PDB file of N, CA and C in Angstrom:
ATOM      1  N   GLY A   1      16.868  -1.114  -6.307  1.00  0.00           N
ATOM      2  CA  GLY A   1      15.593  -0.584  -6.679  1.00  0.00           C
ATOM      3  C   GLY A   1      14.554  -0.714  -5.583  1.00  0.00           C
ATOM      4  N   GLY A   2      13.430  -0.119  -5.830  1.00  0.00           N
ATOM      5  CA  GLY A   2      12.350  -0.082  -4.860  1.00  0.00           C
ATOM      6  C   GLY A   2      11.776  -1.437  -4.522  1.00  0.00           C
ATOM      7  N   THR A   3      11.651  -2.317  -5.516  1.00  0.00           N
ATOM      8  CA  THR A   3      11.053  -3.621  -5.235  1.00  0.00           C
ATOM      9  C   THR A   3      11.943  -4.444  -4.302  1.00  0.00           C
ATOM     10  N   GLN A   4      13.253  -4.365  -4.481  1.00  0.00           N
ATOM     11  CA  GLN A   4      14.162  -5.090  -3.603  1.00  0.00           C
ATOM     12  C   GLN A   4      14.129  -4.513  -2.189  1.00  0.00           C
ATOM     13  N   ALA A   5      14.036  -3.197  -2.067  1.00  0.00           N
ATOM     14  CA  ALA A   5      13.966  -2.556  -0.749  1.00  0.00           C
ATOM     15  C   ALA A   5      12.679  -2.945  -0.031  1.00  0.00           C
ATOM     16  N   ILE A   6      11.568  -2.973  -0.746  1.00  0.00           N
ATOM     17  CA  ILE A   6      10.298  -3.387  -0.146  1.00  0.00           C
ATOM     18  C   ILE A   6      10.392  -4.825   0.329  1.00  0.00           C
ATOM     19  N   GLU A   7      10.941  -5.693  -0.500  1.00  0.00           N
ATOM     20  CA  GLU A   7      11.084  -7.094  -0.112  1.00  0.00           C
ATOM     21  C   GLU A   7      11.933  -7.237   1.145  1.00  0.00           C
ATOM     22  N   ALA A   8      13.087  -6.583   1.195  1.00  0.00           N
ATOM     23  CA  ALA A   8      13.976  -6.688   2.349  1.00  0.00           C
ATOM     24  C   ALA A   8      13.286  -6.169   3.614  1.00  0.00           C
ATOM     25  N   LEU A   9      12.579  -5.069   3.501  1.00  0.00           N
ATOM     26  CA  LEU A   9      11.884  -4.498   4.652  1.00  0.00           C
ATOM     27  C   LEU A   9      10.790  -5.435   5.152  1.00  0.00           C
ATOM     28  N   LEU A  10       9.941  -5.904   4.251  1.00  0.00           N
ATOM     29  CA  LEU A  10       8.823  -6.748   4.669  1.00  0.00           C
ATOM     30  C   LEU A  10       9.298  -8.081   5.240  1.00  0.00           C
ATOM     31  N   ARG A  11      10.347  -8.640   4.693  1.00  0.00           N
ATOM     32  CA  ARG A  11      10.852  -9.921   5.212  1.00  0.00           C
ATOM     33  C   ARG A  11      11.371  -9.776   6.636  1.00  0.00           C
ATOM     34  N   ALA A  12      11.801  -8.566   7.004  1.00  0.00           N
ATOM     35  CA  ALA A  12      12.357  -8.330   8.338  1.00  0.00           C
ATOM     36  C   ALA A  12      11.296  -7.944   9.370  1.00  0.00           C
ATOM     37  N   LEU A  13      10.082  -7.676   8.939  1.00  0.00           N
ATOM     38  CA  LEU A  13       9.024  -7.244   9.860  1.00  0.00           C
ATOM     39  C   LEU A  13       8.209  -8.437  10.339  1.00  0.00           C
ATOM     40  N   PRO A  14       7.564  -8.298  11.506  1.00  0.00           N
ATOM     41  CA  PRO A  14       6.782  -9.418  12.042  1.00  0.00           C
ATOM     42  C   PRO A  14       5.474  -9.628  11.295  1.00  0.00           C
ATOM     43  N   ALA A  15       4.949 -10.838  11.395  1.00  0.00           N
ATOM     44  CA  ALA A  15       3.704 -11.193  10.706  1.00  0.00           C
ATOM     45  C   ALA A  15       2.526 -10.358  11.180  1.00  0.00           C
ATOM     46  N   ASP A  16       2.564  -9.876  12.415  1.00  0.00           N
ATOM     47  CA  ASP A  16       1.433  -9.114  12.965  1.00  0.00           C
ATOM     48  C   ASP A  16       1.665  -7.607  12.924  1.00  0.00           C
ATOM     49  N   LEU A  17       2.444  -7.135  11.948  1.00  0.00           N
ATOM     50  CA  LEU A  17       2.699  -5.703  11.851  1.00  0.00           C
ATOM     51  C   LEU A  17       1.388  -4.948  11.678  1.00  0.00           C
ATOM     52  N   PRO A  18       1.362  -3.649  12.031  1.00  0.00           N
ATOM     53  CA  PRO A  18       0.144  -2.862  11.804  1.00  0.00           C
ATOM     54  C   PRO A  18      -0.231  -2.855  10.324  1.00  0.00           C
ATOM     55  N   GLY A  19      -1.497  -2.596  10.038  1.00  0.00           N
ATOM     56  CA  GLY A  19      -1.949  -2.506   8.655  1.00  0.00           C
ATOM     57  C   GLY A  19      -1.036  -1.603   7.840  1.00  0.00           C
ATOM     58  N   THR A  20      -0.681  -2.051   6.644  1.00  0.00           N
ATOM     59  CA  THR A  20       0.338  -1.373   5.849  1.00  0.00           C
ATOM     60  C   THR A  20      -0.149  -1.195   4.414  1.00  0.00           C
ATOM     61  N   VAL A  21       0.073   0.002   3.867  1.00  0.00           N
ATOM     62  CA  VAL A  21      -0.255   0.288   2.466  1.00  0.00           C
ATOM     63  C   VAL A  21       1.010   0.769   1.772  1.00  0.00           C
ATOM     64  N   ILE A  22       1.220   0.289   0.550  1.00  0.00           N
ATOM     65  CA  ILE A  22       2.456   0.571  -0.187  1.00  0.00           C
ATOM     66  C   ILE A  22       2.128   1.025  -1.597  1.00  0.00           C
ATOM     67  N   VAL A  23       2.836   2.061  -2.032  1.00  0.00           N
ATOM     68  CA  VAL A  23       2.817   2.495  -3.428  1.00  0.00           C
ATOM     69  C   VAL A  23       4.196   2.228  -4.009  1.00  0.00           C
ATOM     70  N   GLN A  24       4.233   1.471  -5.087  1.00  0.00           N
ATOM     71  CA  GLN A  24       5.457   1.248  -5.857  1.00  0.00           C
ATOM     72  C   GLN A  24       5.099   1.497  -7.314  1.00  0.00           C
ATOM     73  N   HIS A  25       5.841   2.361  -7.967  1.00  0.00           N
ATOM     74  CA  HIS A  25       5.529   2.697  -9.355  1.00  0.00           C
ATOM     75  C   HIS A  25       5.852   1.508 -10.245  1.00  0.00           C
ATOM     76  N   MET A  26       4.792   0.804 -10.641  1.00  0.00           N
ATOM     77  CA  MET A  26       4.910  -0.355 -11.526  1.00  0.00           C
ATOM     78  C   MET A  26       3.738  -0.318 -12.497  1.00  0.00           C
ATOM     79  N   PRO A  27       3.915  -0.899 -13.674  1.00  0.00           N
ATOM     80  CA  PRO A  27       2.801  -0.938 -14.627  1.00  0.00           C
ATOM     81  C   PRO A  27       1.677  -1.853 -14.145  1.00  0.00           C
ATOM     82  N   GLU A  28       0.506  -1.656 -14.739  1.00  0.00           N
ATOM     83  CA  GLU A  28      -0.619  -2.545 -14.461  1.00  0.00           C
ATOM     84  C   GLU A  28      -0.185  -3.987 -14.683  1.00  0.00           C
ATOM     85  N   HIS A  29      -0.779  -4.891 -13.950  1.00  0.00           N
ATOM     86  CA  HIS A  29      -0.559  -6.329 -14.024  1.00  0.00           C
ATOM     87  C   HIS A  29       0.738  -6.778 -13.345  1.00  0.00           C
ATOM     88  N   PHE A  30       1.730  -5.904 -13.220  1.00  0.00           N
ATOM     89  CA  PHE A  30       2.961  -6.278 -12.540  1.00  0.00           C
ATOM     90  C   PHE A  30       2.782  -6.247 -11.027  1.00  0.00           C
ATOM     91  N   THR A  31       1.927  -5.358 -10.539  1.00  0.00           N
ATOM     92  CA  THR A  31       1.761  -5.226  -9.091  1.00  0.00           C
ATOM     93  C   THR A  31       1.116  -6.468  -8.482  1.00  0.00           C
ATOM     94  N   GLU A  32       0.206  -7.096  -9.185  1.00  0.00           N
ATOM     95  CA  GLU A  32      -0.418  -8.306  -8.653  1.00  0.00           C
ATOM     96  C   GLU A  32       0.619  -9.421  -8.526  1.00  0.00           C
ATOM     97  N   ALA A  33       1.447  -9.587  -9.547  1.00  0.00           N
ATOM     98  CA  ALA A  33       2.495 -10.609  -9.494  1.00  0.00           C
ATOM     99  C   ALA A  33       3.513 -10.283  -8.399  1.00  0.00           C
ATOM    100  N   PHE A  34       3.847  -9.022  -8.248  1.00  0.00           N
ATOM    101  CA  PHE A  34       4.773  -8.593  -7.193  1.00  0.00           C
ATOM    102  C   PHE A  34       4.195  -8.920  -5.821  1.00  0.00           C
ATOM    103  N   ALA A  35       2.937  -8.565  -5.604  1.00  0.00           N
ATOM    104  CA  ALA A  35       2.293  -8.853  -4.318  1.00  0.00           C
ATOM    105  C   ALA A  35       2.219 -10.349  -4.059  1.00  0.00           C
ATOM    106  N   ASN A  36       1.887 -11.123  -5.061  1.00  0.00           N
ATOM    107  CA  ASN A  36       1.809 -12.577  -4.896  1.00  0.00           C
ATOM    108  C   ASN A  36       3.168 -13.179  -4.537  1.00  0.00           C
ATOM    109  N   ARG A  37       4.216 -12.680  -5.174  1.00  0.00           N
ATOM    110  CA  ARG A  37       5.555 -13.173  -4.864  1.00  0.00           C
ATOM    111  C   ARG A  37       5.926 -12.843  -3.426  1.00  0.00           C
ATOM    112  N   LEU A  38       5.674 -11.594  -3.014  1.00  0.00           N
ATOM    113  CA  LEU A  38       5.965 -11.199  -1.635  1.00  0.00           C
ATOM    114  C   LEU A  38       5.149 -12.022  -0.641  1.00  0.00           C
ATOM    115  N   ASN A  39       3.921 -12.311  -0.992  1.00  0.00           N
ATOM    116  CA  ASN A  39       3.066 -13.088  -0.101  1.00  0.00           C
ATOM    117  C   ASN A  39       3.666 -14.473   0.173  1.00  0.00           C
ATOM    118  N   GLY A  40       4.370 -15.008  -0.802  1.00  0.00           N
ATOM    119  CA  GLY A  40       4.967 -16.318  -0.644  1.00  0.00           C
ATOM    120  C   GLY A  40       6.252 -16.345   0.168  1.00  0.00           C
ATOM    121  N   ILE A  41       6.893 -15.181   0.346  1.00  0.00           N
ATOM    122  CA  ILE A  41       8.189 -15.163   1.035  1.00  0.00           C
ATOM    123  C   ILE A  41       8.213 -14.295   2.288  1.00  0.00           C
ATOM    124  N   CYS A  42       7.148 -13.585   2.566  1.00  0.00           N
ATOM    125  CA  CYS A  42       7.097 -12.701   3.729  1.00  0.00           C
ATOM    126  C   CYS A  42       6.210 -13.301   4.810  1.00  0.00           C
ATOM    127  N   PRO A  43       6.448 -12.933   6.067  1.00  0.00           N
ATOM    128  CA  PRO A  43       5.674 -13.540   7.155  1.00  0.00           C
ATOM    129  C   PRO A  43       4.224 -13.068   7.243  1.00  0.00           C
ATOM    130  N   MET A  44       3.911 -11.938   6.663  1.00  0.00           N
ATOM    131  CA  MET A  44       2.546 -11.408   6.703  1.00  0.00           C
ATOM    132  C   MET A  44       1.840 -11.695   5.384  1.00  0.00           C
ATOM    133  N   THR A  45       0.549 -11.396   5.327  1.00  0.00           N
ATOM    134  CA  THR A  45      -0.209 -11.509   4.084  1.00  0.00           C
ATOM    135  C   THR A  45       0.087 -10.269   3.235  1.00  0.00           C
ATOM    136  N   VAL A  46       0.428 -10.467   1.983  1.00  0.00           N
ATOM    137  CA  VAL A  46       0.679  -9.361   1.049  1.00  0.00           C
ATOM    138  C   VAL A  46      -0.195  -9.601  -0.170  1.00  0.00           C
ATOM    139  N   ARG A  47      -0.929  -8.561  -0.568  1.00  0.00           N
ATOM    140  CA  ARG A  47      -1.752  -8.687  -1.777  1.00  0.00           C
ATOM    141  C   ARG A  47      -1.990  -7.326  -2.396  1.00  0.00           C
ATOM    142  N   GLU A  48      -2.414  -7.360  -3.637  1.00  0.00           N
ATOM    143  CA  GLU A  48      -2.768  -6.129  -4.330  1.00  0.00           C
ATOM    144  C   GLU A  48      -4.053  -5.583  -3.701  1.00  0.00           C
ATOM    145  N   ALA A  49      -4.088  -4.293  -3.464  1.00  0.00           N
ATOM    146  CA  ALA A  49      -5.245  -3.659  -2.836  1.00  0.00           C
ATOM    147  C   ALA A  49      -6.458  -3.682  -3.762  1.00  0.00           C
ATOM    148  N   ARG A  50      -7.607  -3.880  -3.139  1.00  0.00           N
ATOM    149  CA  ARG A  50      -8.890  -3.744  -3.825  1.00  0.00           C
ATOM    150  C   ARG A  50      -9.663  -2.634  -3.133  1.00  0.00           C
ATOM    151  N   ASP A  51     -10.459  -1.909  -3.876  1.00  0.00           N
ATOM    152  CA  ASP A  51     -11.207  -0.795  -3.310  1.00  0.00           C
ATOM    153  C   ASP A  51     -12.077  -1.280  -2.155  1.00  0.00           C
ATOM    154  N   GLY A  52     -11.938  -0.633  -1.004  1.00  0.00           N
ATOM    155  CA  GLY A  52     -12.728  -0.967   0.164  1.00  0.00           C
ATOM    156  C   GLY A  52     -12.079  -1.954   1.115  1.00  0.00           C
ATOM    157  N   ASP A  53     -10.884  -2.460   0.779  1.00  0.00           N
ATOM    158  CA  ASP A  53     -10.182  -3.364   1.691  1.00  0.00           C
ATOM    159  C   ASP A  53      -9.950  -2.677   3.029  1.00  0.00           C
ATOM    160  N   GLY A  54     -10.087  -3.427   4.111  1.00  0.00           N
ATOM    161  CA  GLY A  54      -9.708  -2.918   5.419  1.00  0.00           C
ATOM    162  C   GLY A  54      -8.202  -2.903   5.555  1.00  0.00           C
ATOM    163  N   VAL A  55      -7.698  -1.870   6.206  1.00  0.00           N
ATOM    164  CA  VAL A  55      -6.270  -1.790   6.519  1.00  0.00           C
ATOM    165  C   VAL A  55      -6.146  -2.358   7.932  1.00  0.00           C
ATOM    166  N   VAL A  56      -5.681  -3.592   8.000  1.00  0.00           N
ATOM    167  CA  VAL A  56      -5.726  -4.354   9.249  1.00  0.00           C
ATOM    168  C   VAL A  56      -4.358  -4.956   9.572  1.00  0.00           C
ATOM    169  N   PRO A  57      -4.110  -5.250  10.850  1.00  0.00           N
ATOM    170  CA  PRO A  57      -2.829  -5.857  11.227  1.00  0.00           C
ATOM    171  C   PRO A  57      -2.572  -7.158  10.463  1.00  0.00           C
ATOM    172  N   GLY A  58      -1.313  -7.345  10.121  1.00  0.00           N
ATOM    173  CA  GLY A  58      -0.902  -8.570   9.452  1.00  0.00           C
ATOM    174  C   GLY A  58      -1.129  -8.596   7.959  1.00  0.00           C
ATOM    175  N   VAL A  59      -1.610  -7.477   7.397  1.00  0.00           N
ATOM    176  CA  VAL A  59      -1.884  -7.430   5.957  1.00  0.00           C
ATOM    177  C   VAL A  59      -1.195  -6.210   5.350  1.00  0.00           C
ATOM    178  N   VAL A  60      -0.501  -6.448   4.240  1.00  0.00           N
ATOM    179  CA  VAL A  60       0.132  -5.388   3.458  1.00  0.00           C
ATOM    180  C   VAL A  60      -0.611  -5.288   2.137  1.00  0.00           C
ATOM    181  N   LEU A  61      -1.057  -4.086   1.795  1.00  0.00           N
ATOM    182  CA  LEU A  61      -1.776  -3.842   0.546  1.00  0.00           C
ATOM    183  C   LEU A  61      -0.886  -3.045  -0.397  1.00  0.00           C
ATOM    184  N   ILE A  62      -0.695  -3.561  -1.601  1.00  0.00           N
ATOM    185  CA  ILE A  62       0.117  -2.918  -2.638  1.00  0.00           C
ATOM    186  C   ILE A  62      -0.822  -2.212  -3.617  1.00  0.00           C
ATOM    187  N   ALA A  63      -0.545  -0.951  -3.911  1.00  0.00           N
ATOM    188  CA  ALA A  63      -1.361  -0.200  -4.867  1.00  0.00           C
ATOM    189  C   ALA A  63      -1.321  -0.867  -6.230  1.00  0.00           C
ATOM    190  N   PRO A  64      -2.482  -1.049  -6.867  1.00  0.00           N
ATOM    191  CA  PRO A  64      -2.489  -1.606  -8.220  1.00  0.00           C
ATOM    192  C   PRO A  64      -1.823  -0.645  -9.208  1.00  0.00           C
ATOM    193  N   GLY A  65      -1.091  -1.182 -10.155  1.00  0.00           N
ATOM    194  CA  GLY A  65      -0.502  -0.348 -11.198  1.00  0.00           C
ATOM    195  C   GLY A  65      -1.579   0.413 -11.948  1.00  0.00           C
ATOM    196  N   GLY A  66      -1.319   1.677 -12.227  1.00  0.00           N
ATOM    197  CA  GLY A  66      -2.254   2.496 -12.980  1.00  0.00           C
ATOM    198  C   GLY A  66      -3.369   3.098 -12.152  1.00  0.00           C
ATOM    199  N   LYS A  67      -3.373   2.876 -10.830  1.00  0.00           N
ATOM    200  CA  LYS A  67      -4.420   3.410  -9.942  1.00  0.00           C
ATOM    201  C   LYS A  67      -3.766   4.071  -8.745  1.00  0.00           C
ATOM    202  N   HIS A  68      -4.438   5.091  -8.211  1.00  0.00           N
ATOM    203  CA  HIS A  68      -3.985   5.695  -6.963  1.00  0.00           C
ATOM    204  C   HIS A  68      -4.543   4.895  -5.799  1.00  0.00           C
ATOM    205  N   LEU A  69      -3.819   4.882  -4.689  1.00  0.00           N
ATOM    206  CA  LEU A  69      -4.264   4.249  -3.460  1.00  0.00           C
ATOM    207  C   LEU A  69      -4.350   5.332  -2.399  1.00  0.00           C
ATOM    208  N   VAL A  70      -5.497   5.424  -1.741  1.00  0.00           N
ATOM    209  CA  VAL A  70      -5.673   6.405  -0.671  1.00  0.00           C
ATOM    210  C   VAL A  70      -6.220   5.702   0.566  1.00  0.00           C
ATOM    211  N   LEU A  71      -5.984   6.320   1.707  1.00  0.00           N
ATOM    212  CA  LEU A  71      -6.498   5.826   2.974  1.00  0.00           C
ATOM    213  C   LEU A  71      -7.728   6.640   3.338  1.00  0.00           C
ATOM    214  N   GLN A  72      -8.743   5.965   3.837  1.00  0.00           N
ATOM    215  CA  GLN A  72      -9.978   6.626   4.263  1.00  0.00           C
ATOM    216  C   GLN A  72     -10.339   6.085   5.636  1.00  0.00           C
ATOM    217  N   ARG A  73     -10.836   6.936   6.493  1.00  0.00           N
ATOM    218  CA  ARG A  73     -11.297   6.493   7.808  1.00  0.00           C
ATOM    219  C   ARG A  73     -12.804   6.308   7.750  1.00  0.00           C
ATOM    220  N   SER A  74     -13.259   5.215   8.351  1.00  0.00           N
ATOM    221  CA  SER A  74     -14.688   4.939   8.432  1.00  0.00           C
ATOM    222  C   SER A  74     -14.966   4.495   9.863  1.00  0.00           C
ATOM    223  N   GLY A  75     -15.444   5.417  10.699  1.00  0.00           N
ATOM    224  CA  GLY A  75     -15.609   5.120  12.114  1.00  0.00           C
ATOM    225  C   GLY A  75     -14.252   4.848  12.726  1.00  0.00           C
ATOM    226  N   GLY A  76     -14.092   3.695  13.347  1.00  0.00           N
ATOM    227  CA  GLY A  76     -12.820   3.323  13.948  1.00  0.00           C
ATOM    228  C   GLY A  76     -11.941   2.495  13.047  1.00  0.00           C
ATOM    229  N   ARG A  77     -12.302   2.358  11.776  1.00  0.00           N
ATOM    230  CA  ARG A  77     -11.547   1.535  10.822  1.00  0.00           C
ATOM    231  C   ARG A  77     -10.895   2.405   9.763  1.00  0.00           C
ATOM    232  N   TYR A  78      -9.872   1.846   9.158  1.00  0.00           N
ATOM    233  CA  TYR A  78      -9.245   2.465   7.993  1.00  0.00           C
ATOM    234  C   TYR A  78      -9.505   1.572   6.791  1.00  0.00           C
ATOM    235  N   LEU A  79      -9.805   2.213   5.685  1.00  0.00           N
ATOM    236  CA  LEU A  79     -10.067   1.496   4.434  1.00  0.00           C
ATOM    237  C   LEU A  79      -9.104   1.963   3.356  1.00  0.00           C
ATOM    238  N   ALA A  80      -8.743   1.046   2.475  1.00  0.00           N
ATOM    239  CA  ALA A  80      -7.961   1.382   1.287  1.00  0.00           C
ATOM    240  C   ALA A  80      -8.944   1.677   0.163  1.00  0.00           C
ATOM    241  N   ARG A  81      -8.742   2.786  -0.492  1.00  0.00           N
ATOM    242  CA  ARG A  81      -9.589   3.135  -1.635  1.00  0.00           C
ATOM    243  C   ARG A  81      -8.697   3.184  -2.866  1.00  0.00           C
ATOM    244  N   VAL A  82      -9.112   2.499  -3.896  1.00  0.00           N
ATOM    245  CA  VAL A  82      -8.391   2.451  -5.164  1.00  0.00           C
ATOM    246  C   VAL A  82      -9.117   3.376  -6.120  1.00  0.00           C
ATOM    247  N   LYS A  83      -8.388   4.356  -6.650  1.00  0.00           N
ATOM    248  CA  LYS A  83      -9.017   5.434  -7.419  1.00  0.00           C
ATOM    249  C   LYS A  83      -8.317   5.666  -8.748  1.00  0.00           C
ATOM    250  N   ASP A  84      -9.121   6.098  -9.721  1.00  0.00           N
ATOM    251  CA  ASP A  84      -8.560   6.656 -10.940  1.00  0.00           C
ATOM    252  C   ASP A  84      -8.180   8.097 -10.634  1.00  0.00           C
ATOM    253  N   GLY A  85      -7.560   8.724 -11.548  1.00  0.00           N
ATOM    254  CA  GLY A  85      -7.189  10.125 -11.389  1.00  0.00           C
ATOM    255  C   GLY A  85      -5.969  10.407 -12.226  1.00  0.00           C
ATOM    256  N   PRO A  86      -5.707  11.679 -12.409  1.00  0.00           N
ATOM    257  CA  PRO A  86      -4.551  12.043 -13.241  1.00  0.00           C
ATOM    258  C   PRO A  86      -3.247  11.669 -12.545  1.00  0.00           C
ATOM    259  N   PRO A  87      -2.217  11.396 -13.325  1.00  0.00           N
ATOM    260  CA  PRO A  87      -0.906  11.153 -12.729  1.00  0.00           C
ATOM    261  C   PRO A  87      -0.455  12.373 -11.914  1.00  0.00           C
ATOM    262  N   VAL A  88       0.275  12.123 -10.861  1.00  0.00           N
ATOM    263  CA  VAL A  88       0.854  13.174 -10.028  1.00  0.00           C
ATOM    264  C   VAL A  88       2.361  13.033 -10.157  1.00  0.00           C
ATOM    265  N   HIS A  89       3.013  14.112 -10.612  1.00  0.00           N
ATOM    266  CA  HIS A  89       4.450  14.062 -10.910  1.00  0.00           C
ATOM    267  C   HIS A  89       4.744  12.912 -11.875  1.00  0.00           C
ATOM    268  N   HIS A  90       3.862  12.751 -12.853  1.00  0.00           N
ATOM    269  CA  HIS A  90       3.984  11.744 -13.912  1.00  0.00           C
ATOM    270  C   HIS A  90       3.810  10.313 -13.401  1.00  0.00           C
ATOM    271  N   GLN A  91       3.240  10.131 -12.209  1.00  0.00           N
ATOM    272  CA  GLN A  91       3.103   8.800 -11.622  1.00  0.00           C
ATOM    273  C   GLN A  91       1.653   8.487 -11.255  1.00  0.00           C
ATOM    274  N   ARG A  92       1.260   7.275 -11.511  1.00  0.00           N
ATOM    275  CA  ARG A  92      -0.019   6.736 -11.033  1.00  0.00           C
ATOM    276  C   ARG A  92       0.157   5.236 -10.897  1.00  0.00           C
ATOM    277  N   PRO A  93       0.267   4.727  -9.691  1.00  0.00           N
ATOM    278  CA  PRO A  93       0.008   5.372  -8.408  1.00  0.00           C
ATOM    279  C   PRO A  93       1.122   6.350  -8.023  1.00  0.00           C
ATOM    280  N   ALA A  94       0.765   7.295  -7.182  1.00  0.00           N
ATOM    281  CA  ALA A  94       1.714   8.304  -6.708  1.00  0.00           C
ATOM    282  C   ALA A  94       1.753   8.278  -5.188  1.00  0.00           C
ATOM    283  N   VAL A  95       2.955   8.244  -4.656  1.00  0.00           N
ATOM    284  CA  VAL A  95       3.111   8.228  -3.205  1.00  0.00           C
ATOM    285  C   VAL A  95       2.570   9.515  -2.576  1.00  0.00           C
ATOM    286  N   ASP A  96       2.650  10.641  -3.283  1.00  0.00           N
ATOM    287  CA  ASP A  96       2.114  11.894  -2.734  1.00  0.00           C
ATOM    288  C   ASP A  96       0.623  11.762  -2.443  1.00  0.00           C
ATOM    289  N   VAL A  97      -0.102  11.126  -3.320  1.00  0.00           N
ATOM    290  CA  VAL A  97      -1.546  10.948  -3.134  1.00  0.00           C
ATOM    291  C   VAL A  97      -1.803  10.107  -1.888  1.00  0.00           C
ATOM    292  N   LEU A  98      -1.076   8.996  -1.749  1.00  0.00           N
ATOM    293  CA  LEU A  98      -1.242   8.143  -0.571  1.00  0.00           C
ATOM    294  C   LEU A  98      -0.860   8.893   0.696  1.00  0.00           C
ATOM    295  N   PHE A  99       0.309   9.528   0.729  1.00  0.00           N
ATOM    296  CA  PHE A  99       0.767  10.207   1.938  1.00  0.00           C
ATOM    297  C   PHE A  99      -0.173  11.334   2.353  1.00  0.00           C
ATOM    298  N   GLN A 100      -0.715  12.069   1.392  1.00  0.00           N
ATOM    299  CA  GLN A 100      -1.662  13.145   1.737  1.00  0.00           C
ATOM    300  C   GLN A 100      -2.907  12.575   2.396  1.00  0.00           C
ATOM    301  N   SER A 101      -3.407  11.455   1.889  1.00  0.00           N
ATOM    302  CA  SER A 101      -4.601  10.859   2.477  1.00  0.00           C
ATOM    303  C   SER A 101      -4.309  10.282   3.859  1.00  0.00           C
ATOM    304  N   VAL A 102      -3.135   9.690   4.044  1.00  0.00           N
ATOM    305  CA  VAL A 102      -2.758   9.158   5.356  1.00  0.00           C
ATOM    306  C   VAL A 102      -2.627  10.301   6.360  1.00  0.00           C
ATOM    307  N   ALA A 103      -1.997  11.387   5.961  1.00  0.00           N
ATOM    308  CA  ALA A 103      -1.864  12.543   6.858  1.00  0.00           C
ATOM    309  C   ALA A 103      -3.243  13.086   7.250  1.00  0.00           C
ATOM    310  N   ARG A 104      -4.156  13.135   6.306  1.00  0.00           N
ATOM    311  CA  ARG A 104      -5.489  13.683   6.556  1.00  0.00           C
ATOM    312  C   ARG A 104      -6.319  12.757   7.446  1.00  0.00           C
ATOM    313  N   HIS A 105      -6.245  11.457   7.221  1.00  0.00           N
ATOM    314  CA  HIS A 105      -7.160  10.542   7.915  1.00  0.00           C
ATOM    315  C   HIS A 105      -6.546   9.815   9.112  1.00  0.00           C
ATOM    316  N   ALA A 106      -5.221   9.655   9.144  1.00  0.00           N
ATOM    317  CA  ALA A 106      -4.588   8.934  10.266  1.00  0.00           C
ATOM    318  C   ALA A 106      -3.679   9.836  11.083  1.00  0.00           C
ATOM    319  N   GLY A 107      -3.118  10.863  10.450  1.00  0.00           N
ATOM    320  CA  GLY A 107      -2.293  11.826  11.154  1.00  0.00           C
ATOM    321  C   GLY A 107      -1.188  11.191  11.973  1.00  0.00           C
ATOM    322  N   ALA A 108      -1.157  11.539  13.261  1.00  0.00           N
ATOM    323  CA  ALA A 108      -0.108  11.086  14.162  1.00  0.00           C
ATOM    324  C   ALA A 108      -0.192   9.593  14.463  1.00  0.00           C
ATOM    325  N   HIS A 109      -1.237   8.921  14.021  1.00  0.00           N
ATOM    326  CA  HIS A 109      -1.380   7.486  14.234  1.00  0.00           C
ATOM    327  C   HIS A 109      -0.702   6.672  13.131  1.00  0.00           C
ATOM    328  N   ALA A 110      -0.004   7.337  12.235  1.00  0.00           N
ATOM    329  CA  ALA A 110       0.633   6.656  11.096  1.00  0.00           C
ATOM    330  C   ALA A 110       2.129   6.929  11.068  1.00  0.00           C
ATOM    331  N   VAL A 111       2.826   6.046  10.392  1.00  0.00           N
ATOM    332  CA  VAL A 111       4.258   6.207  10.131  1.00  0.00           C
ATOM    333  C   VAL A 111       4.444   6.104   8.633  1.00  0.00           C
ATOM    334  N   GLY A 112       5.182   7.014   8.045  1.00  0.00           N
ATOM    335  CA  GLY A 112       5.460   6.968   6.619  1.00  0.00           C
ATOM    336  C   GLY A 112       6.920   6.652   6.365  1.00  0.00           C
ATOM    337  N   VAL A 113       7.170   5.830   5.359  1.00  0.00           N
ATOM    338  CA  VAL A 113       8.529   5.468   4.970  1.00  0.00           C
ATOM    339  C   VAL A 113       8.657   5.706   3.475  1.00  0.00           C
ATOM    340  N   LEU A 114       9.676   6.438   3.107  1.00  0.00           N
ATOM    341  CA  LEU A 114       9.887   6.714   1.683  1.00  0.00           C
ATOM    342  C   LEU A 114      11.202   6.114   1.255  1.00  0.00           C
TER     343      LEU A 114
END
């Protein structure tokens, strides 16, 4: 499943990886526990995203269950925005929403993994 793949990937990456945002389809309240568990076993900081968080090296932000996560550029910084909105392909959070925002605001400066 997706949670095991995310765990395996993050455990193999360095603590100073570029700022990272993740969407995993999970119910509300499960994403915080998932992020906390990953934070305890991965070399980088992992936490549930909050609206306005900076996307910075060494930090992985997990989309909260029931909310969309989008990337926004503010000057030379990237911010995570947590948004309500209709489900996309029956999902909220939806990876399509995140990927569209990353393409729009980071473009060639980003790498996407599905």
